[in-house]
Amino acid sequence: MLVALAVFGIIIGITSGYLVSAISVQRETLAIRPMVDETSFVAEYMSRALRPAQRSQDASCLSASGLYYEVSPTGDSVTFIDEDERCREMYFEAGAGKIRETIDGVDGALTSSSLDIQNMEFVLPASAERHPQVTFSMEVRPREETASRVLRIQTTISQREF
């Protein structure tokens, strides 16, 4: 009888450990889901805006004519002319941990206050002169302290017609 009670206690203890572990994993998953959803939305928005960039005809928006994209020397912003011929800039605001966008001088945030953008970088690959493209990468984490995961994404956007 005593042995049966000890075995039953061990089984209950192991099962309880698994249950607590499963609840912890579920809590972490629920905490990062909004982060993944919003990051995916922002990456898709930026991709759709960057892909149809127009070649600059003069130096009014970009520093020289003939460019599709211009990345800042620090790599934290990209400027381009969109399909509606508006001057657009997407940039990383490091102090606030946000990604922002300026369209013809009107500024707005692309990320909400629930995300903390740890790092964002824009890069023009060496082949960008022959084939217009821009790469961006970002590290994102939720502002809440309950989730400690960092999401890292990178994508390269290229022109469909050039």
N, C-alpha and C. Protein backbone atom coordinates (compact mmCIF):
# COMPACT_ATOMS: atom_id res chain seq x y z
N MET A 1 0.82 -1.18 0.00
CA MET A 1 0.00 0.00 0.00
C MET A 1 0.88 1.26 0.00
N LEU A 2 1.90 1.27 0.79
CA LEU A 2 2.79 2.42 0.88
C LEU A 2 3.55 2.62 -0.44
N VAL A 3 3.96 1.53 -1.08
CA VAL A 3 4.66 1.61 -2.36
C VAL A 3 3.72 2.17 -3.42
N ALA A 4 2.48 1.72 -3.45
CA ALA A 4 1.51 2.21 -4.42
C ALA A 4 1.26 3.70 -4.24
N LEU A 5 1.18 4.13 -3.00
CA LEU A 5 0.98 5.55 -2.71
C LEU A 5 2.18 6.38 -3.17
N ALA A 6 3.40 5.88 -2.97
CA ALA A 6 4.61 6.58 -3.41
C ALA A 6 4.67 6.67 -4.93
N VAL A 7 4.36 5.59 -5.64
CA VAL A 7 4.35 5.60 -7.11
C VAL A 7 3.29 6.58 -7.61
N PHE A 8 2.11 6.56 -6.98
CA PHE A 8 1.05 7.49 -7.37
C PHE A 8 1.49 8.94 -7.16
N GLY A 9 2.15 9.23 -6.07
CA GLY A 9 2.66 10.57 -5.79
C GLY A 9 3.69 11.02 -6.81
N ILE A 10 4.57 10.13 -7.22
CA ILE A 10 5.58 10.45 -8.23
C ILE A 10 4.91 10.75 -9.57
N ILE A 11 3.95 9.95 -9.94
CA ILE A 11 3.23 10.16 -11.22
C ILE A 11 2.49 11.50 -11.19
N ILE A 12 1.84 11.82 -10.09
CA ILE A 12 1.14 13.10 -9.97
C ILE A 12 2.13 14.25 -10.04
N GLY A 13 3.28 14.12 -9.40
CA GLY A 13 4.31 15.17 -9.44
C GLY A 13 4.83 15.41 -10.84
N ILE A 14 5.11 14.35 -11.58
CA ILE A 14 5.60 14.48 -12.96
C ILE A 14 4.53 15.12 -13.84
N THR A 15 3.30 14.68 -13.70
CA THR A 15 2.20 15.22 -14.50
C THR A 15 2.00 16.71 -14.19
N SER A 16 2.07 17.07 -12.94
CA SER A 16 1.93 18.48 -12.56
C SER A 16 3.05 19.32 -13.16
N GLY A 17 4.27 18.79 -13.18
CA GLY A 17 5.40 19.50 -13.79
C GLY A 17 5.17 19.76 -15.26
N TYR A 18 4.67 18.73 -15.97
CA TYR A 18 4.37 18.91 -17.39
C TYR A 18 3.28 19.95 -17.60
N LEU A 19 2.27 19.95 -16.76
CA LEU A 19 1.17 20.91 -16.88
C LEU A 19 1.67 22.34 -16.66
N VAL A 20 2.47 22.54 -15.66
CA VAL A 20 3.02 23.87 -15.39
C VAL A 20 3.91 24.31 -16.56
N SER A 21 4.70 23.41 -17.09
CA SER A 21 5.56 23.73 -18.24
C SER A 21 4.72 24.09 -19.47
N ALA A 22 3.65 23.35 -19.71
CA ALA A 22 2.79 23.63 -20.86
C ALA A 22 2.11 24.99 -20.70
N ILE A 23 1.69 25.33 -19.51
CA ILE A 23 1.06 26.63 -19.27
C ILE A 23 2.07 27.76 -19.51
N SER A 24 3.30 27.56 -19.09
CA SER A 24 4.35 28.57 -19.30
C SER A 24 4.63 28.78 -20.79
N VAL A 25 4.72 27.68 -21.54
CA VAL A 25 4.95 27.79 -22.99
C VAL A 25 3.76 28.48 -23.67
N GLN A 26 2.54 28.15 -23.25
CA GLN A 26 1.35 28.78 -23.83
C GLN A 26 1.34 30.28 -23.54
N ARG A 27 1.73 30.68 -22.34
CA ARG A 27 1.77 32.09 -21.98
C ARG A 27 2.79 32.84 -22.85
N GLU A 28 3.96 32.23 -23.06
CA GLU A 28 5.00 32.84 -23.91
C GLU A 28 4.50 32.96 -25.36
N THR A 29 3.85 31.92 -25.84
CA THR A 29 3.33 31.93 -27.21
C THR A 29 2.27 33.02 -27.39
N LEU A 30 1.37 33.14 -26.44
CA LEU A 30 0.35 34.18 -26.52
C LEU A 30 0.95 35.58 -26.42
N ALA A 31 2.06 35.72 -25.70
CA ALA A 31 2.69 37.03 -25.56
C ALA A 31 3.39 37.46 -26.85
N ILE A 32 3.97 36.51 -27.60
CA ILE A 32 4.70 36.91 -28.81
C ILE A 32 3.84 36.90 -30.07
N ARG A 33 2.65 36.33 -30.01
CA ARG A 33 1.81 36.28 -31.21
C ARG A 33 1.48 37.66 -31.77
N PRO A 34 1.05 38.63 -30.95
CA PRO A 34 0.80 39.97 -31.51
C PRO A 34 2.06 40.59 -32.12
N MET A 35 3.22 40.32 -31.51
CA MET A 35 4.48 40.83 -32.04
C MET A 35 4.74 40.26 -33.44
N VAL A 36 4.54 38.96 -33.59
CA VAL A 36 4.77 38.32 -34.89
C VAL A 36 3.78 38.86 -35.92
N ASP A 37 2.52 39.00 -35.53
CA ASP A 37 1.50 39.52 -36.46
C ASP A 37 1.83 40.94 -36.92
N GLU A 38 2.16 41.82 -35.98
CA GLU A 38 2.44 43.21 -36.35
C GLU A 38 3.73 43.33 -37.15
N THR A 39 4.76 42.56 -36.78
CA THR A 39 6.02 42.59 -37.53
C THR A 39 5.80 42.11 -38.96
N SER A 40 5.01 41.08 -39.11
CA SER A 40 4.69 40.58 -40.45
C SER A 40 3.96 41.64 -41.27
N PHE A 41 3.01 42.33 -40.65
CA PHE A 41 2.27 43.39 -41.34
C PHE A 41 3.20 44.52 -41.78
N VAL A 42 4.08 44.96 -40.87
CA VAL A 42 5.00 46.06 -41.19
C VAL A 42 5.95 45.67 -42.31
N ALA A 43 6.49 44.45 -42.25
CA ALA A 43 7.41 43.99 -43.31
C ALA A 43 6.69 43.92 -44.66
N GLU A 44 5.46 43.45 -44.67
CA GLU A 44 4.68 43.39 -45.91
C GLU A 44 4.36 44.79 -46.43
N TYR A 45 3.99 45.70 -45.55
CA TYR A 45 3.70 47.08 -45.94
C TYR A 45 4.93 47.73 -46.57
N MET A 46 6.07 47.57 -45.90
CA MET A 46 7.31 48.16 -46.41
C MET A 46 7.68 47.55 -47.76
N SER A 47 7.53 46.25 -47.89
CA SER A 47 7.85 45.58 -49.15
C SER A 47 6.98 46.08 -50.29
N ARG A 48 5.69 46.22 -50.02
CA ARG A 48 4.78 46.71 -51.06
C ARG A 48 5.06 48.16 -51.44
N ALA A 49 5.54 48.95 -50.49
CA ALA A 49 5.87 50.34 -50.79
C ALA A 49 7.18 50.45 -51.55
N LEU A 50 8.17 49.63 -51.18
CA LEU A 50 9.50 49.72 -51.79
C LEU A 50 9.57 49.12 -53.20
N ARG A 51 8.81 48.07 -53.46
CA ARG A 51 8.93 47.36 -54.74
C ARG A 51 8.68 48.24 -55.97
N PRO A 52 7.62 49.05 -56.00
CA PRO A 52 7.37 49.85 -57.21
C PRO A 52 8.08 51.20 -57.25
N ALA A 53 9.19 51.33 -56.53
CA ALA A 53 9.92 52.61 -56.52
C ALA A 53 10.28 53.05 -57.94
N GLN A 54 10.24 54.35 -58.17
CA GLN A 54 10.53 54.92 -59.48
C GLN A 54 11.96 55.45 -59.52
N ARG A 55 12.53 55.47 -60.72
CA ARG A 55 13.86 56.05 -60.90
C ARG A 55 13.75 57.57 -60.80
N SER A 56 14.66 58.17 -60.02
CA SER A 56 14.61 59.62 -59.85
C SER A 56 15.06 60.31 -61.14
N GLN A 57 14.32 61.35 -61.51
CA GLN A 57 14.62 62.10 -62.73
C GLN A 57 15.50 63.31 -62.43
N ASP A 58 15.51 63.75 -61.16
CA ASP A 58 16.32 64.90 -60.75
C ASP A 58 16.74 64.67 -59.30
N ALA A 59 17.35 65.65 -58.69
CA ALA A 59 17.84 65.53 -57.32
C ALA A 59 16.90 66.17 -56.30
N SER A 60 15.62 66.25 -56.60
CA SER A 60 14.68 66.89 -55.67
C SER A 60 14.36 66.00 -54.47
N CYS A 61 14.36 64.69 -54.63
CA CYS A 61 14.06 63.77 -53.54
C CYS A 61 15.31 62.99 -53.13
N LEU A 62 15.94 62.38 -54.11
CA LEU A 62 17.17 61.63 -53.87
C LEU A 62 18.36 62.52 -54.23
N SER A 63 19.55 62.14 -53.80
CA SER A 63 20.72 63.00 -53.97
C SER A 63 21.18 63.13 -55.42
N ALA A 64 20.77 62.20 -56.28
CA ALA A 64 21.18 62.25 -57.69
C ALA A 64 20.08 61.66 -58.56
N SER A 65 20.07 62.01 -59.81
CA SER A 65 19.09 61.43 -60.72
C SER A 65 19.55 60.01 -61.10
N GLY A 66 18.58 59.18 -61.50
CA GLY A 66 18.88 57.82 -61.93
C GLY A 66 18.87 56.80 -60.81
N LEU A 67 18.65 57.23 -59.57
CA LEU A 67 18.63 56.30 -58.44
C LEU A 67 17.21 55.80 -58.18
N TYR A 68 17.11 54.57 -57.69
CA TYR A 68 15.82 54.04 -57.24
C TYR A 68 15.68 54.19 -55.73
N TYR A 69 16.74 53.85 -55.01
CA TYR A 69 16.75 53.90 -53.55
C TYR A 69 18.00 54.62 -53.08
N GLU A 70 17.87 55.28 -51.94
CA GLU A 70 19.04 55.89 -51.31
C GLU A 70 19.00 55.56 -49.82
N VAL A 71 20.04 54.90 -49.35
CA VAL A 71 20.15 54.52 -47.95
C VAL A 71 21.05 55.52 -47.25
N SER A 72 20.68 55.91 -46.03
CA SER A 72 21.49 56.86 -45.27
C SER A 72 22.85 56.24 -44.94
N PRO A 73 23.86 57.06 -44.68
CA PRO A 73 25.19 56.52 -44.33
C PRO A 73 25.18 55.61 -43.10
N THR A 74 24.25 55.87 -42.18
CA THR A 74 24.16 55.02 -40.98
C THR A 74 23.33 53.77 -41.22
N GLY A 75 22.64 53.68 -42.35
CA GLY A 75 21.85 52.50 -42.69
C GLY A 75 20.51 52.42 -41.98
N ASP A 76 20.10 53.50 -41.32
CA ASP A 76 18.84 53.44 -40.57
C ASP A 76 17.64 54.02 -41.32
N SER A 77 17.83 54.43 -42.58
CA SER A 77 16.70 54.94 -43.36
C SER A 77 16.92 54.69 -44.85
N VAL A 78 15.80 54.63 -45.56
CA VAL A 78 15.83 54.51 -47.01
C VAL A 78 14.85 55.54 -47.58
N THR A 79 15.27 56.21 -48.65
CA THR A 79 14.44 57.20 -49.32
C THR A 79 14.21 56.74 -50.75
N PHE A 80 13.02 56.96 -51.26
CA PHE A 80 12.68 56.54 -52.62
C PHE A 80 11.49 57.33 -53.12
N ILE A 81 11.23 57.22 -54.42
CA ILE A 81 10.07 57.86 -55.04
C ILE A 81 9.07 56.76 -55.33
N ASP A 82 7.87 56.88 -54.77
CA ASP A 82 6.89 55.81 -54.92
C ASP A 82 6.19 55.87 -56.27
N GLU A 83 5.29 54.94 -56.50
CA GLU A 83 4.60 54.84 -57.79
C GLU A 83 3.70 56.03 -58.09
N ASP A 84 3.34 56.80 -57.07
CA ASP A 84 2.55 58.01 -57.26
C ASP A 84 3.44 59.25 -57.33
N GLU A 85 4.75 59.02 -57.49
CA GLU A 85 5.76 60.07 -57.61
C GLU A 85 5.85 60.97 -56.38
N ARG A 86 5.64 60.37 -55.23
CA ARG A 86 5.81 61.07 -53.96
C ARG A 86 7.15 60.66 -53.34
N CYS A 87 7.80 61.59 -52.68
CA CYS A 87 9.06 61.30 -52.00
C CYS A 87 8.75 60.64 -50.66
N ARG A 88 9.27 59.43 -50.46
CA ARG A 88 9.00 58.69 -49.22
C ARG A 88 10.30 58.31 -48.54
N GLU A 89 10.25 58.32 -47.22
CA GLU A 89 11.39 57.87 -46.43
C GLU A 89 10.86 56.96 -45.33
N MET A 90 11.49 55.81 -45.17
CA MET A 90 11.20 54.90 -44.05
C MET A 90 12.45 54.89 -43.20
N TYR A 91 12.26 55.06 -41.89
CA TYR A 91 13.44 55.16 -41.04
C TYR A 91 13.20 54.58 -39.65
N PHE A 92 14.30 54.23 -39.00
CA PHE A 92 14.30 53.68 -37.66
C PHE A 92 14.55 54.80 -36.68
N GLU A 93 13.62 55.02 -35.77
CA GLU A 93 13.77 56.02 -34.73
C GLU A 93 14.28 55.28 -33.48
N ALA A 94 15.60 55.27 -33.33
CA ALA A 94 16.24 54.45 -32.31
C ALA A 94 15.81 54.82 -30.89
N GLY A 95 15.69 56.08 -30.59
CA GLY A 95 15.33 56.51 -29.24
C GLY A 95 13.97 56.00 -28.80
N ALA A 96 13.03 55.91 -29.73
CA ALA A 96 11.68 55.46 -29.41
C ALA A 96 11.48 53.98 -29.71
N GLY A 97 12.42 53.37 -30.44
CA GLY A 97 12.28 51.97 -30.81
C GLY A 97 11.14 51.74 -31.78
N LYS A 98 10.99 52.66 -32.74
CA LYS A 98 9.88 52.58 -33.70
C LYS A 98 10.39 52.72 -35.13
N ILE A 99 9.58 52.25 -36.06
CA ILE A 99 9.81 52.47 -37.48
C ILE A 99 8.80 53.53 -37.90
N ARG A 100 9.29 54.54 -38.58
CA ARG A 100 8.44 55.66 -39.00
C ARG A 100 8.55 55.83 -40.51
N GLU A 101 7.60 56.59 -41.05
CA GLU A 101 7.57 56.85 -42.49
C GLU A 101 7.20 58.31 -42.71
N THR A 102 7.86 58.92 -43.68
CA THR A 102 7.53 60.27 -44.10
C THR A 102 7.15 60.22 -45.58
N ILE A 103 5.97 60.75 -45.89
CA ILE A 103 5.51 60.82 -47.28
C ILE A 103 5.30 62.29 -47.60
N ASP A 104 6.13 62.82 -48.51
CA ASP A 104 6.06 64.24 -48.88
C ASP A 104 6.00 65.15 -47.65
N GLY A 105 6.82 64.87 -46.65
CA GLY A 105 6.93 65.71 -45.47
C GLY A 105 5.97 65.39 -44.35
N VAL A 106 5.00 64.49 -44.58
CA VAL A 106 4.03 64.12 -43.54
C VAL A 106 4.54 62.85 -42.85
N ASP A 107 4.74 62.94 -41.53
CA ASP A 107 5.36 61.86 -40.77
C ASP A 107 4.31 61.01 -40.05
N GLY A 108 4.58 59.69 -39.97
CA GLY A 108 3.69 58.79 -39.24
C GLY A 108 4.44 57.55 -38.80
N ALA A 109 3.93 56.91 -37.75
CA ALA A 109 4.56 55.70 -37.22
C ALA A 109 4.03 54.47 -37.96
N LEU A 110 4.93 53.53 -38.26
CA LEU A 110 4.53 52.27 -38.86
C LEU A 110 4.34 51.18 -37.81
N THR A 111 4.94 51.34 -36.64
CA THR A 111 4.82 50.36 -35.58
C THR A 111 4.11 50.97 -34.38
N SER A 112 3.43 50.13 -33.65
CA SER A 112 2.68 50.61 -32.47
C SER A 112 3.60 50.67 -31.25
N SER A 113 3.04 51.15 -30.17
CA SER A 113 3.82 51.25 -28.94
C SER A 113 4.01 49.90 -28.26
N SER A 114 3.34 48.85 -28.73
CA SER A 114 3.51 47.52 -28.13
C SER A 114 4.79 46.84 -28.58
N LEU A 115 5.41 47.34 -29.67
CA LEU A 115 6.65 46.76 -30.16
C LEU A 115 7.84 47.62 -29.78
N ASP A 116 8.95 46.96 -29.54
CA ASP A 116 10.22 47.64 -29.29
C ASP A 116 11.19 47.18 -30.38
N ILE A 117 11.45 48.04 -31.35
CA ILE A 117 12.39 47.70 -32.42
C ILE A 117 13.79 47.90 -31.86
N GLN A 118 14.52 46.83 -31.72
CA GLN A 118 15.87 46.88 -31.15
C GLN A 118 16.88 47.42 -32.16
N ASN A 119 16.71 47.01 -33.40
CA ASN A 119 17.66 47.41 -34.45
C ASN A 119 16.95 47.32 -35.79
N MET A 120 17.33 48.20 -36.70
CA MET A 120 16.79 48.17 -38.07
C MET A 120 17.89 48.66 -38.98
N GLU A 121 18.06 47.98 -40.09
CA GLU A 121 19.13 48.36 -41.02
C GLU A 121 18.66 48.17 -42.46
N PHE A 122 18.97 49.16 -43.28
CA PHE A 122 18.72 49.09 -44.72
C PHE A 122 20.08 48.97 -45.42
N VAL A 123 20.13 48.14 -46.45
CA VAL A 123 21.38 47.93 -47.18
C VAL A 123 21.06 47.87 -48.67
N LEU A 124 21.90 48.55 -49.46
CA LEU A 124 21.83 48.41 -50.91
C LEU A 124 22.91 47.41 -51.32
N PRO A 125 22.53 46.23 -51.82
CA PRO A 125 23.54 45.26 -52.24
C PRO A 125 24.39 45.80 -53.38
N ALA A 126 25.57 45.21 -53.57
CA ALA A 126 26.48 45.66 -54.63
C ALA A 126 25.82 45.56 -56.00
N SER A 127 24.93 44.61 -56.18
CA SER A 127 24.27 44.43 -57.47
C SER A 127 23.13 45.42 -57.70
N ALA A 128 22.89 46.33 -56.76
CA ALA A 128 21.76 47.25 -56.87
C ALA A 128 21.89 48.23 -58.03
N GLU A 129 23.11 48.45 -58.51
CA GLU A 129 23.28 49.35 -59.65
C GLU A 129 22.73 48.72 -60.92
N ARG A 130 22.91 47.39 -61.07
CA ARG A 130 22.40 46.69 -62.26
C ARG A 130 20.94 46.29 -62.08
N HIS A 131 20.61 45.85 -60.89
CA HIS A 131 19.25 45.38 -60.60
C HIS A 131 18.77 46.07 -59.33
N PRO A 132 17.88 47.06 -59.44
CA PRO A 132 17.46 47.85 -58.28
C PRO A 132 16.86 46.97 -57.18
N GLN A 133 17.48 47.01 -56.02
CA GLN A 133 16.99 46.25 -54.88
C GLN A 133 17.48 46.87 -53.58
N VAL A 134 16.78 46.56 -52.51
CA VAL A 134 17.16 47.03 -51.18
C VAL A 134 16.83 45.91 -50.19
N THR A 135 17.71 45.74 -49.21
CA THR A 135 17.52 44.74 -48.17
C THR A 135 17.28 45.46 -46.85
N PHE A 136 16.31 44.98 -46.09
CA PHE A 136 16.15 45.51 -44.73
C PHE A 136 16.05 44.36 -43.74
N SER A 137 16.58 44.62 -42.56
CA SER A 137 16.51 43.64 -41.48
C SER A 137 16.15 44.37 -40.20
N MET A 138 15.50 43.65 -39.31
CA MET A 138 15.11 44.26 -38.04
C MET A 138 15.07 43.22 -36.93
N GLU A 139 15.30 43.69 -35.72
CA GLU A 139 15.17 42.88 -34.52
C GLU A 139 14.05 43.50 -33.68
N VAL A 140 13.08 42.68 -33.33
CA VAL A 140 11.88 43.17 -32.66
C VAL A 140 11.63 42.35 -31.40
N ARG A 141 11.17 43.02 -30.37
CA ARG A 141 10.72 42.33 -29.16
C ARG A 141 9.51 43.08 -28.62
N PRO A 142 8.64 42.39 -27.88
CA PRO A 142 7.51 43.09 -27.29
C PRO A 142 7.97 44.00 -26.15
N ARG A 143 7.26 45.08 -25.92
CA ARG A 143 7.63 45.99 -24.84
C ARG A 143 7.35 45.38 -23.46
N GLU A 144 6.43 44.42 -23.41
CA GLU A 144 6.11 43.77 -22.14
C GLU A 144 7.32 42.98 -21.65
N GLU A 145 7.49 42.93 -20.36
CA GLU A 145 8.61 42.20 -19.79
C GLU A 145 8.34 40.70 -19.71
N THR A 146 7.09 40.27 -19.95
CA THR A 146 6.78 38.84 -19.82
C THR A 146 7.40 38.01 -20.93
N ALA A 147 7.60 38.59 -22.09
CA ALA A 147 8.17 37.84 -23.21
C ALA A 147 9.59 38.33 -23.47
N SER A 148 10.50 37.41 -23.51
CA SER A 148 11.90 37.79 -23.69
C SER A 148 12.43 37.46 -25.08
N ARG A 149 11.62 36.94 -25.93
CA ARG A 149 12.07 36.53 -27.25
C ARG A 149 12.31 37.73 -28.15
N VAL A 150 13.32 37.59 -29.02
CA VAL A 150 13.62 38.60 -30.02
C VAL A 150 13.36 37.98 -31.38
N LEU A 151 12.60 38.65 -32.19
CA LEU A 151 12.29 38.19 -33.54
C LEU A 151 13.21 38.92 -34.51
N ARG A 152 13.95 38.17 -35.32
CA ARG A 152 14.85 38.76 -36.32
C ARG A 152 14.34 38.38 -37.70
N ILE A 153 14.12 39.42 -38.53
CA ILE A 153 13.69 39.14 -39.90
C ILE A 153 14.56 39.95 -40.86
N GLN A 154 14.67 39.43 -42.06
CA GLN A 154 15.41 40.12 -43.12
C GLN A 154 14.75 39.77 -44.43
N THR A 155 14.65 40.74 -45.30
CA THR A 155 14.10 40.49 -46.63
C THR A 155 14.75 41.42 -47.64
N THR A 156 14.80 40.97 -48.87
CA THR A 156 15.32 41.79 -49.97
C THR A 156 14.20 42.05 -50.95
N ILE A 157 14.03 43.31 -51.30
CA ILE A 157 12.99 43.73 -52.23
C ILE A 157 13.66 44.15 -53.52
N SER A 158 13.14 43.63 -54.62
CA SER A 158 13.70 44.03 -55.92
C SER A 158 12.57 44.46 -56.85
N GLN A 159 12.95 45.22 -57.84
CA GLN A 159 12.00 45.70 -58.84
C GLN A 159 11.52 44.53 -59.70
N ARG A 160 10.27 44.54 -60.08
CA ARG A 160 9.77 43.52 -61.00
C ARG A 160 10.13 43.88 -62.43
N GLU A 161 10.08 45.18 -62.71
CA GLU A 161 10.47 45.67 -64.03
C GLU A 161 11.52 46.72 -63.84
N PHE A 162 12.60 46.63 -64.58
CA PHE A 162 13.66 47.64 -64.46
C PHE A 162 14.29 47.89 -65.80
